[in-house]
Amino acid sequence: AYITPQTPDPVGAFVGNMTMGANGSGACEIGLEASKRALTPSSAGGYSDTYNTDFYREDARLAIIIVSDEPDGSTIPSDPWGISDCSYAITWNEYINWLLNLKGAHSADEIFFAAIVGPQGGCSSNWGDAGTGDGYLEVVNNLGPDMALQYSICEHDWSDVMVQLGIEASGLRTAFH
C-alpha cells in the first residue's frame, strides 16, 4: 500500500507505482477524492481499512502528492465514462476548503500539495501521453507557491522536483505565515 524503509526495492516500487501508460483499470482517476477519503475517519465516509488509521498526525506536516496522467475525476459532476465511481461532484474549491480546515489556523505552515500532472494542453513523453491535470492544477494555482507546486509528469528527469518535495515534506520552511 505504501513504501517504507523495509520495502525490498523502494525505487522499483516507486517506479512501478508511477509508470504512465494504459495499464490502469479504465476508470477515471479521483486523486482529490481519494486523498480526502484517506485522511477522513471511516465514520465520515473515509478510510475503512487499517492502512490509513494512524497515518494522519495532527502534529506533523502533511504533504499530499498527486501523480496522474488524467484530469481529476473527483470534480466531474456527471459520469461521462459510465462508471459509478467516477462522479463525486466535489469541486476543487470544496477540496481546498476541506484541506485548509484539516489543520486549522496554521494550515498554511502545515500543509503542502503537489500535482505531478499534465500541464495545460497536456504533454507527451517516451512513456506516454498525459492530458491536462484539470482539478489538480486549480488546487495548485489557488493554494499558491508557498503551499503547492505543479510539475509536468512528462519531464524526463524528476530529480529536482524530488529534492523540492523532500524539503517540503520534511517541514523545512521557506515562507512563514
N, C-alpha and C. Protein backbone atom coordinates (compact mmCIF):
# COMPACT_ATOMS: atom_id res chain seq x y z
N ALA A 1 0.82 -1.20 0.00
CA ALA A 1 0.00 0.00 0.00
C ALA A 1 0.86 1.26 0.00
N TYR A 2 2.04 1.23 0.62
CA TYR A 2 2.94 2.36 0.60
C TYR A 2 4.37 1.86 0.80
N ILE A 3 5.32 2.73 0.50
CA ILE A 3 6.74 2.36 0.54
C ILE A 3 7.31 2.74 1.90
N THR A 4 8.01 1.81 2.53
CA THR A 4 8.63 2.04 3.84
C THR A 4 10.12 1.72 3.74
N PRO A 5 10.90 2.00 4.79
CA PRO A 5 12.31 1.60 4.78
C PRO A 5 12.50 0.08 4.66
N GLN A 6 11.47 -0.69 4.97
CA GLN A 6 11.56 -2.14 4.87
C GLN A 6 11.18 -2.67 3.48
N THR A 7 10.72 -1.82 2.58
CA THR A 7 10.39 -2.25 1.22
C THR A 7 11.67 -2.74 0.55
N PRO A 8 11.69 -3.98 0.05
CA PRO A 8 12.93 -4.55 -0.52
C PRO A 8 13.54 -3.70 -1.64
N ASP A 9 12.72 -3.16 -2.54
CA ASP A 9 13.23 -2.35 -3.65
C ASP A 9 12.39 -1.08 -3.72
N PRO A 10 12.66 -0.09 -2.87
CA PRO A 10 11.81 1.10 -2.84
C PRO A 10 11.81 1.87 -4.15
N VAL A 11 12.94 1.95 -4.83
CA VAL A 11 12.99 2.66 -6.11
C VAL A 11 12.13 1.93 -7.14
N GLY A 12 12.28 0.62 -7.20
CA GLY A 12 11.46 -0.17 -8.13
C GLY A 12 9.98 -0.07 -7.81
N ALA A 13 9.64 -0.06 -6.53
CA ALA A 13 8.23 0.07 -6.12
C ALA A 13 7.69 1.43 -6.53
N PHE A 14 8.49 2.50 -6.34
CA PHE A 14 8.06 3.83 -6.73
C PHE A 14 7.86 3.91 -8.24
N VAL A 15 8.84 3.42 -8.99
CA VAL A 15 8.74 3.45 -10.45
C VAL A 15 7.53 2.66 -10.92
N GLY A 16 7.29 1.50 -10.32
CA GLY A 16 6.12 0.70 -10.69
C GLY A 16 4.81 1.41 -10.41
N ASN A 17 4.75 2.14 -9.31
CA ASN A 17 3.53 2.86 -8.96
C ASN A 17 3.32 4.10 -9.81
N MET A 18 4.39 4.68 -10.34
CA MET A 18 4.30 5.94 -11.06
C MET A 18 4.37 5.79 -12.58
N THR A 19 4.56 4.60 -13.10
CA THR A 19 4.71 4.42 -14.53
C THR A 19 3.42 4.79 -15.26
N MET A 20 3.57 5.67 -16.24
CA MET A 20 2.42 6.07 -17.05
C MET A 20 2.13 4.98 -18.06
N GLY A 21 0.93 4.97 -18.55
CA GLY A 21 0.56 4.02 -19.58
C GLY A 21 -0.92 3.73 -19.52
N ALA A 22 -1.33 2.80 -20.35
CA ALA A 22 -2.73 2.45 -20.46
C ALA A 22 -3.01 1.15 -19.72
N ASN A 23 -2.31 0.90 -18.64
CA ASN A 23 -2.47 -0.36 -17.92
C ASN A 23 -3.35 -0.24 -16.69
N GLY A 24 -4.05 0.89 -16.54
CA GLY A 24 -4.90 1.09 -15.37
C GLY A 24 -6.20 0.32 -15.49
N SER A 25 -7.11 0.61 -14.59
CA SER A 25 -8.38 -0.12 -14.54
C SER A 25 -9.35 0.35 -15.59
N GLY A 26 -9.09 1.48 -16.23
CA GLY A 26 -10.03 2.02 -17.19
C GLY A 26 -10.96 3.04 -16.56
N ALA A 27 -11.00 3.10 -15.25
CA ALA A 27 -11.84 4.06 -14.55
C ALA A 27 -11.14 5.41 -14.51
N CYS A 28 -11.91 6.45 -14.29
CA CYS A 28 -11.29 7.77 -14.17
C CYS A 28 -10.51 7.84 -12.86
N GLU A 29 -9.56 8.74 -12.81
CA GLU A 29 -8.73 8.89 -11.62
C GLU A 29 -9.33 9.98 -10.73
N ILE A 30 -9.38 9.72 -9.43
CA ILE A 30 -10.03 10.63 -8.50
C ILE A 30 -9.09 10.97 -7.34
N GLY A 31 -7.98 11.60 -7.66
CA GLY A 31 -6.95 11.90 -6.67
C GLY A 31 -7.41 12.81 -5.55
N LEU A 32 -8.20 13.83 -5.86
CA LEU A 32 -8.67 14.72 -4.80
C LEU A 32 -9.59 13.97 -3.84
N GLU A 33 -10.55 13.26 -4.38
CA GLU A 33 -11.47 12.50 -3.53
C GLU A 33 -10.73 11.40 -2.76
N ALA A 34 -9.79 10.73 -3.42
CA ALA A 34 -9.04 9.65 -2.75
C ALA A 34 -8.22 10.18 -1.59
N SER A 35 -7.56 11.33 -1.79
CA SER A 35 -6.75 11.88 -0.69
C SER A 35 -7.64 12.35 0.45
N LYS A 36 -8.80 12.90 0.13
CA LYS A 36 -9.74 13.32 1.18
C LYS A 36 -10.23 12.10 1.96
N ARG A 37 -10.60 11.04 1.26
CA ARG A 37 -11.08 9.83 1.93
C ARG A 37 -9.98 9.17 2.77
N ALA A 38 -8.75 9.22 2.28
CA ALA A 38 -7.64 8.59 3.02
C ALA A 38 -7.38 9.29 4.35
N LEU A 39 -7.75 10.55 4.45
CA LEU A 39 -7.49 11.33 5.66
C LEU A 39 -8.75 11.59 6.49
N THR A 40 -9.85 10.94 6.12
CA THR A 40 -11.12 11.13 6.81
C THR A 40 -11.48 9.83 7.53
N PRO A 41 -11.81 9.90 8.82
CA PRO A 41 -12.22 8.67 9.53
C PRO A 41 -13.40 7.98 8.85
N SER A 42 -13.47 6.67 8.96
CA SER A 42 -14.49 5.89 8.24
C SER A 42 -15.90 6.28 8.62
N SER A 43 -16.13 6.75 9.83
CA SER A 43 -17.49 7.15 10.22
C SER A 43 -17.98 8.34 9.40
N ALA A 44 -17.05 9.06 8.76
CA ALA A 44 -17.41 10.19 7.92
C ALA A 44 -17.26 9.85 6.43
N GLY A 45 -17.23 8.57 6.09
CA GLY A 45 -17.14 8.14 4.71
C GLY A 45 -15.73 8.03 4.18
N GLY A 46 -14.75 7.92 5.05
CA GLY A 46 -13.35 7.86 4.62
C GLY A 46 -12.78 6.47 4.68
N TYR A 47 -11.55 6.37 5.17
CA TYR A 47 -10.83 5.11 5.15
C TYR A 47 -11.57 4.04 5.96
N SER A 48 -11.57 2.84 5.43
CA SER A 48 -12.26 1.74 6.11
C SER A 48 -11.30 0.60 6.43
N ASP A 49 -10.05 0.76 6.07
CA ASP A 49 -9.08 -0.29 6.37
C ASP A 49 -8.04 0.23 7.37
N THR A 50 -7.10 -0.57 7.71
CA THR A 50 -6.12 -0.17 8.72
C THR A 50 -4.92 0.57 8.14
N TYR A 51 -4.80 0.67 6.81
CA TYR A 51 -3.63 1.34 6.23
C TYR A 51 -3.50 2.79 6.67
N ASN A 52 -4.59 3.51 6.72
CA ASN A 52 -4.52 4.95 6.99
C ASN A 52 -4.92 5.33 8.40
N THR A 53 -5.29 4.38 9.24
CA THR A 53 -5.80 4.69 10.56
C THR A 53 -4.86 5.60 11.35
N ASP A 54 -3.59 5.32 11.37
CA ASP A 54 -2.64 6.13 12.13
C ASP A 54 -1.75 7.01 11.25
N PHE A 55 -2.10 7.11 9.97
CA PHE A 55 -1.27 7.88 9.05
C PHE A 55 -1.32 9.37 9.35
N TYR A 56 -2.50 9.92 9.49
CA TYR A 56 -2.64 11.36 9.75
C TYR A 56 -2.26 11.68 11.18
N ARG A 57 -1.33 12.62 11.32
CA ARG A 57 -0.93 13.08 12.65
C ARG A 57 -1.11 14.59 12.70
N GLU A 58 -1.87 15.03 13.66
CA GLU A 58 -2.16 16.45 13.76
C GLU A 58 -0.92 17.30 13.98
N ASP A 59 0.11 16.73 14.61
CA ASP A 59 1.32 17.50 14.93
C ASP A 59 2.40 17.40 13.85
N ALA A 60 2.09 16.78 12.72
CA ALA A 60 3.09 16.62 11.65
C ALA A 60 2.66 17.38 10.40
N ARG A 61 3.63 17.80 9.62
CA ARG A 61 3.35 18.44 8.33
C ARG A 61 2.75 17.40 7.40
N LEU A 62 1.75 17.80 6.65
CA LEU A 62 1.08 16.91 5.71
C LEU A 62 1.43 17.31 4.29
N ALA A 63 2.00 16.39 3.53
CA ALA A 63 2.29 16.62 2.12
C ALA A 63 1.45 15.65 1.31
N ILE A 64 0.60 16.19 0.45
CA ILE A 64 -0.20 15.37 -0.45
C ILE A 64 0.41 15.52 -1.83
N ILE A 65 0.81 14.40 -2.42
CA ILE A 65 1.45 14.41 -3.74
C ILE A 65 0.61 13.57 -4.68
N ILE A 66 0.07 14.20 -5.69
CA ILE A 66 -0.77 13.54 -6.69
C ILE A 66 0.07 13.34 -7.94
N VAL A 67 0.09 12.12 -8.47
CA VAL A 67 0.74 11.83 -9.74
C VAL A 67 -0.32 11.23 -10.64
N SER A 68 -0.62 11.92 -11.75
CA SER A 68 -1.69 11.46 -12.62
C SER A 68 -1.46 11.92 -14.05
N ASP A 69 -1.87 11.11 -15.00
CA ASP A 69 -1.79 11.49 -16.40
C ASP A 69 -3.17 11.86 -16.96
N GLU A 70 -4.14 12.06 -16.08
CA GLU A 70 -5.50 12.42 -16.48
C GLU A 70 -6.00 13.58 -15.63
N PRO A 71 -7.08 14.22 -16.08
CA PRO A 71 -7.71 15.22 -15.21
C PRO A 71 -8.31 14.52 -13.99
N ASP A 72 -8.55 15.28 -12.94
CA ASP A 72 -9.15 14.70 -11.75
C ASP A 72 -10.62 14.43 -11.98
N GLY A 73 -11.03 13.17 -11.78
CA GLY A 73 -12.43 12.78 -11.96
C GLY A 73 -13.30 13.15 -10.78
N SER A 74 -12.71 13.57 -9.67
CA SER A 74 -13.49 13.94 -8.49
C SER A 74 -14.35 15.16 -8.76
N THR A 75 -13.91 16.01 -9.65
CA THR A 75 -14.59 17.28 -9.89
C THR A 75 -15.60 17.21 -11.03
N ILE A 76 -15.82 16.02 -11.56
CA ILE A 76 -16.74 15.86 -12.69
C ILE A 76 -18.16 15.65 -12.14
N PRO A 77 -19.10 16.57 -12.43
CA PRO A 77 -20.44 16.44 -11.86
C PRO A 77 -21.28 15.34 -12.49
N SER A 78 -20.91 14.85 -13.66
CA SER A 78 -21.63 13.73 -14.25
C SER A 78 -20.60 12.67 -14.62
N ASP A 79 -21.07 11.50 -14.98
CA ASP A 79 -20.19 10.36 -15.20
C ASP A 79 -20.07 10.04 -16.69
N PRO A 80 -19.15 10.73 -17.42
CA PRO A 80 -19.06 10.53 -18.86
C PRO A 80 -18.56 9.14 -19.25
N TRP A 81 -17.91 8.43 -18.32
CA TRP A 81 -17.38 7.12 -18.63
C TRP A 81 -18.37 6.00 -18.33
N GLY A 82 -19.47 6.31 -17.69
CA GLY A 82 -20.45 5.28 -17.34
C GLY A 82 -19.98 4.41 -16.19
N ILE A 83 -19.12 4.95 -15.34
CA ILE A 83 -18.58 4.21 -14.20
C ILE A 83 -19.06 4.94 -12.95
N SER A 84 -19.82 4.30 -12.11
CA SER A 84 -20.45 4.99 -10.99
C SER A 84 -19.44 5.61 -10.03
N ASP A 85 -18.22 5.07 -9.94
CA ASP A 85 -17.21 5.62 -9.02
C ASP A 85 -16.56 6.88 -9.56
N CYS A 86 -16.99 7.35 -10.70
CA CYS A 86 -16.36 8.50 -11.34
C CYS A 86 -17.03 9.82 -11.05
N SER A 87 -18.13 9.85 -10.41
CA SER A 87 -18.87 11.08 -10.25
C SER A 87 -19.06 11.40 -8.77
N TYR A 88 -18.23 12.30 -8.26
CA TYR A 88 -18.32 12.69 -6.86
C TYR A 88 -18.79 14.12 -6.70
N ALA A 89 -18.68 14.91 -7.73
CA ALA A 89 -19.14 16.29 -7.75
C ALA A 89 -18.54 17.13 -6.62
N ILE A 90 -17.33 16.84 -6.20
CA ILE A 90 -16.61 17.72 -5.27
C ILE A 90 -15.86 18.72 -6.14
N THR A 91 -15.99 19.97 -5.83
CA THR A 91 -15.27 20.98 -6.62
C THR A 91 -13.87 21.15 -6.03
N TRP A 92 -12.96 21.68 -6.83
CA TRP A 92 -11.62 21.92 -6.31
C TRP A 92 -11.68 22.95 -5.19
N ASN A 93 -12.64 23.87 -5.24
CA ASN A 93 -12.79 24.86 -4.18
C ASN A 93 -13.23 24.19 -2.87
N GLU A 94 -14.15 23.23 -2.95
CA GLU A 94 -14.56 22.47 -1.76
C GLU A 94 -13.37 21.69 -1.20
N TYR A 95 -12.56 21.12 -2.10
CA TYR A 95 -11.38 20.38 -1.67
C TYR A 95 -10.41 21.29 -0.92
N ILE A 96 -10.16 22.48 -1.47
CA ILE A 96 -9.25 23.42 -0.81
C ILE A 96 -9.78 23.80 0.56
N ASN A 97 -11.07 24.09 0.67
CA ASN A 97 -11.65 24.43 1.97
C ASN A 97 -11.48 23.29 2.96
N TRP A 98 -11.73 22.05 2.52
CA TRP A 98 -11.55 20.89 3.40
C TRP A 98 -10.08 20.79 3.83
N LEU A 99 -9.16 20.93 2.88
CA LEU A 99 -7.74 20.80 3.16
C LEU A 99 -7.26 21.86 4.15
N LEU A 100 -7.67 23.09 3.94
CA LEU A 100 -7.25 24.17 4.83
C LEU A 100 -7.84 24.02 6.23
N ASN A 101 -9.02 23.47 6.33
CA ASN A 101 -9.64 23.26 7.64
C ASN A 101 -9.10 22.03 8.36
N LEU A 102 -8.43 21.16 7.65
CA LEU A 102 -7.89 19.94 8.24
C LEU A 102 -6.90 20.26 9.36
N LYS A 103 -6.06 21.24 9.16
CA LYS A 103 -5.04 21.61 10.15
C LYS A 103 -5.40 22.88 10.92
N GLY A 104 -6.50 23.51 10.57
CA GLY A 104 -6.94 24.68 11.31
C GLY A 104 -6.18 25.94 10.97
N ALA A 105 -6.02 26.79 11.98
CA ALA A 105 -5.47 28.13 11.79
C ALA A 105 -4.05 28.15 11.22
N HIS A 106 -3.28 27.12 11.46
CA HIS A 106 -1.89 27.09 10.99
C HIS A 106 -1.72 26.26 9.71
N SER A 107 -2.79 26.09 8.96
CA SER A 107 -2.75 25.21 7.80
C SER A 107 -1.72 25.62 6.75
N ALA A 108 -1.48 26.90 6.59
CA ALA A 108 -0.52 27.34 5.57
C ALA A 108 0.89 26.86 5.89
N ASP A 109 1.19 26.64 7.15
CA ASP A 109 2.51 26.14 7.53
C ASP A 109 2.56 24.62 7.62
N GLU A 110 1.43 23.96 7.70
CA GLU A 110 1.38 22.53 7.97
C GLU A 110 0.93 21.66 6.81
N ILE A 111 0.59 22.27 5.68
CA ILE A 111 0.08 21.50 4.54
C ILE A 111 0.85 21.89 3.28
N PHE A 112 1.16 20.87 2.49
CA PHE A 112 1.76 21.12 1.18
C PHE A 112 1.10 20.18 0.18
N PHE A 113 0.73 20.71 -0.99
CA PHE A 113 0.05 19.93 -2.03
C PHE A 113 0.89 19.99 -3.30
N ALA A 114 1.17 18.84 -3.89
CA ALA A 114 1.92 18.81 -5.14
C ALA A 114 1.15 18.00 -6.18
N ALA A 115 1.15 18.50 -7.40
CA ALA A 115 0.50 17.82 -8.51
C ALA A 115 1.53 17.58 -9.60
N ILE A 116 1.89 16.32 -9.79
CA ILE A 116 2.77 15.93 -10.90
C ILE A 116 1.83 15.39 -11.95
N VAL A 117 1.44 16.28 -12.86
CA VAL A 117 0.36 16.01 -13.80
C VAL A 117 0.68 16.62 -15.16
N GLY A 118 -0.21 16.39 -16.10
CA GLY A 118 -0.06 17.03 -17.39
C GLY A 118 -0.27 18.53 -17.27
N PRO A 119 0.61 19.34 -17.89
CA PRO A 119 0.43 20.79 -17.86
C PRO A 119 -0.75 21.20 -18.74
N GLN A 120 -1.08 22.48 -18.72
CA GLN A 120 -2.15 22.98 -19.57
C GLN A 120 -1.88 22.58 -21.02
N GLY A 121 -2.82 21.95 -21.66
CA GLY A 121 -2.66 21.48 -23.03
C GLY A 121 -2.15 20.05 -23.13
N GLY A 122 -1.79 19.45 -21.99
CA GLY A 122 -1.29 18.09 -21.99
C GLY A 122 0.16 18.02 -22.42
N CYS A 123 0.68 16.80 -22.51
CA CYS A 123 2.08 16.61 -22.90
C CYS A 123 2.29 15.18 -23.37
N SER A 124 3.43 14.97 -24.00
CA SER A 124 3.82 13.64 -24.48
C SER A 124 5.25 13.37 -24.05
N SER A 125 5.53 12.11 -23.80
CA SER A 125 6.89 11.70 -23.45
C SER A 125 7.13 10.30 -24.01
N ASN A 126 8.34 9.80 -23.79
CA ASN A 126 8.65 8.43 -24.23
C ASN A 126 7.82 7.39 -23.50
N TRP A 127 7.23 7.77 -22.34
CA TRP A 127 6.48 6.82 -21.52
C TRP A 127 5.00 6.86 -21.79
N GLY A 128 4.54 7.90 -22.47
CA GLY A 128 3.11 8.01 -22.75
C GLY A 128 2.67 9.45 -22.81
N ASP A 129 1.38 9.60 -23.00
CA ASP A 129 0.78 10.92 -23.10
C ASP A 129 0.03 11.23 -21.82
N ALA A 130 -0.13 12.51 -21.55
CA ALA A 130 -0.90 12.94 -20.39
C ALA A 130 -1.81 14.09 -20.79
N GLY A 131 -3.04 14.02 -20.32
CA GLY A 131 -3.97 15.13 -20.53
C GLY A 131 -3.71 16.21 -19.50
N THR A 132 -4.31 17.36 -19.69
CA THR A 132 -4.20 18.46 -18.73
C THR A 132 -4.71 17.99 -17.37
N GLY A 133 -3.99 18.30 -16.33
CA GLY A 133 -4.36 17.89 -14.97
C GLY A 133 -5.44 18.77 -14.35
N ASP A 134 -6.55 18.95 -15.08
CA ASP A 134 -7.65 19.77 -14.57
C ASP A 134 -8.08 19.28 -13.20
N GLY A 135 -8.44 20.21 -12.35
CA GLY A 135 -8.79 19.90 -10.96
C GLY A 135 -7.56 20.04 -10.09
N TYR A 136 -6.52 19.28 -10.40
CA TYR A 136 -5.27 19.36 -9.65
C TYR A 136 -4.60 20.72 -9.85
N LEU A 137 -4.58 21.19 -11.10
CA LEU A 137 -3.95 22.47 -11.40
C LEU A 137 -4.68 23.63 -10.72
N GLU A 138 -6.01 23.53 -10.63
CA GLU A 138 -6.78 24.57 -9.95
C GLU A 138 -6.43 24.62 -8.46
N VAL A 139 -6.23 23.45 -7.85
CA VAL A 139 -5.84 23.41 -6.44
C VAL A 139 -4.47 24.08 -6.27
N VAL A 140 -3.51 23.72 -7.11
CA VAL A 140 -2.17 24.31 -7.04
C VAL A 140 -2.24 25.83 -7.22
N ASN A 141 -2.94 26.27 -8.26
CA ASN A 141 -2.99 27.70 -8.56
C ASN A 141 -3.67 28.50 -7.45
N ASN A 142 -4.66 27.92 -6.80
CA ASN A 142 -5.38 28.65 -5.76
C ASN A 142 -4.71 28.58 -4.40
N LEU A 143 -3.94 27.53 -4.13
CA LEU A 143 -3.17 27.49 -2.88
C LEU A 143 -1.97 28.40 -2.96
N GLY A 144 -1.38 28.53 -4.14
CA GLY A 144 -0.24 29.41 -4.33
C GLY A 144 1.09 28.73 -4.09
N PRO A 145 2.19 29.39 -4.46
CA PRO A 145 3.52 28.77 -4.44
C PRO A 145 4.06 28.45 -3.05
N ASP A 146 3.54 29.06 -2.00
CA ASP A 146 4.01 28.73 -0.65
C ASP A 146 3.44 27.42 -0.15
N MET A 147 2.31 27.00 -0.74
CA MET A 147 1.63 25.79 -0.26
C MET A 147 1.52 24.69 -1.31
N ALA A 148 1.90 24.97 -2.54
CA ALA A 148 1.65 23.98 -3.59
C ALA A 148 2.67 24.13 -4.73
N LEU A 149 2.80 23.04 -5.48
CA LEU A 149 3.65 23.07 -6.66
C LEU A 149 3.09 22.14 -7.73
N GLN A 150 3.33 22.51 -8.98
CA GLN A 150 2.93 21.69 -10.12
C GLN A 150 4.18 21.34 -10.90
N TYR A 151 4.24 20.09 -11.36
CA TYR A 151 5.37 19.63 -12.16
C TYR A 151 4.81 18.74 -13.26
N SER A 152 5.40 18.80 -14.42
CA SER A 152 4.91 18.01 -15.54
C SER A 152 5.29 16.54 -15.39
N ILE A 153 4.31 15.68 -15.51
CA ILE A 153 4.54 14.24 -15.45
C ILE A 153 5.37 13.76 -16.64
N CYS A 154 5.43 14.54 -17.70
CA CYS A 154 6.17 14.14 -18.90
C CYS A 154 7.65 14.47 -18.85
N GLU A 155 8.10 15.19 -17.83
CA GLU A 155 9.52 15.52 -17.72
C GLU A 155 10.34 14.25 -17.58
N HIS A 156 11.49 14.23 -18.22
CA HIS A 156 12.36 13.06 -18.20
C HIS A 156 13.07 12.90 -16.86
N ASP A 157 13.50 14.01 -16.28
CA ASP A 157 14.29 13.98 -15.05
C ASP A 157 13.49 14.62 -13.91
N TRP A 158 13.15 13.82 -12.93
CA TRP A 158 12.37 14.30 -11.78
C TRP A 158 13.26 14.63 -10.58
N SER A 159 14.57 14.61 -10.73
CA SER A 159 15.45 14.76 -9.57
C SER A 159 15.26 16.09 -8.85
N ASP A 160 15.12 17.20 -9.58
CA ASP A 160 14.93 18.50 -8.93
C ASP A 160 13.63 18.56 -8.14
N VAL A 161 12.55 18.05 -8.73
CA VAL A 161 11.26 18.11 -8.03
C VAL A 161 11.25 17.15 -6.84
N MET A 162 11.98 16.05 -6.92
CA MET A 162 12.04 15.13 -5.77
C MET A 162 12.77 15.78 -4.60
N VAL A 163 13.83 16.53 -4.88
CA VAL A 163 14.53 17.26 -3.82
C VAL A 163 13.59 18.28 -3.19
N GLN A 164 12.89 19.02 -4.03
CA GLN A 164 11.96 20.03 -3.53
C GLN A 164 10.84 19.40 -2.70
N LEU A 165 10.30 18.27 -3.15
CA LEU A 165 9.25 17.58 -2.39
C LEU A 165 9.79 17.08 -1.05
N GLY A 166 11.02 16.60 -1.04
CA GLY A 166 11.63 16.15 0.22
C GLY A 166 11.78 17.29 1.21
N ILE A 167 12.18 18.44 0.72
CA ILE A 167 12.31 19.62 1.59
C ILE A 167 10.95 20.02 2.13
N GLU A 168 9.95 20.05 1.27
CA GLU A 168 8.60 20.44 1.71
C GLU A 168 8.03 19.43 2.70
N ALA A 169 8.19 18.14 2.41
CA ALA A 169 7.63 17.12 3.30
C ALA A 169 8.30 17.12 4.66
N SER A 170 9.58 17.47 4.69
CA SER A 170 10.31 17.48 5.96
C SER A 170 9.93 18.66 6.84
N GLY A 171 9.30 19.65 6.25
CA GLY A 171 8.87 20.79 7.03
C GLY A 171 9.85 21.94 7.06
N LEU A 172 10.91 21.88 6.26
CA LEU A 172 11.87 22.98 6.20
C LEU A 172 11.15 24.20 5.63
N ARG A 173 11.06 25.24 6.37
CA ARG A 173 10.28 26.41 5.98
C ARG A 173 11.08 27.35 5.08
N THR A 174 10.43 27.80 4.03
CA THR A 174 10.99 28.85 3.18
C THR A 174 10.11 30.09 3.23
N ALA A 175 8.90 29.93 3.80
CA ALA A 175 7.97 31.06 3.98
C ALA A 175 7.30 30.89 5.34
N PHE A 176 7.03 31.99 5.98
CA PHE A 176 6.41 31.94 7.30
C PHE A 176 5.12 32.75 7.28
N HIS A 177 4.04 32.16 7.78
CA HIS A 177 2.72 32.81 7.74
C HIS A 177 2.30 33.25 9.13
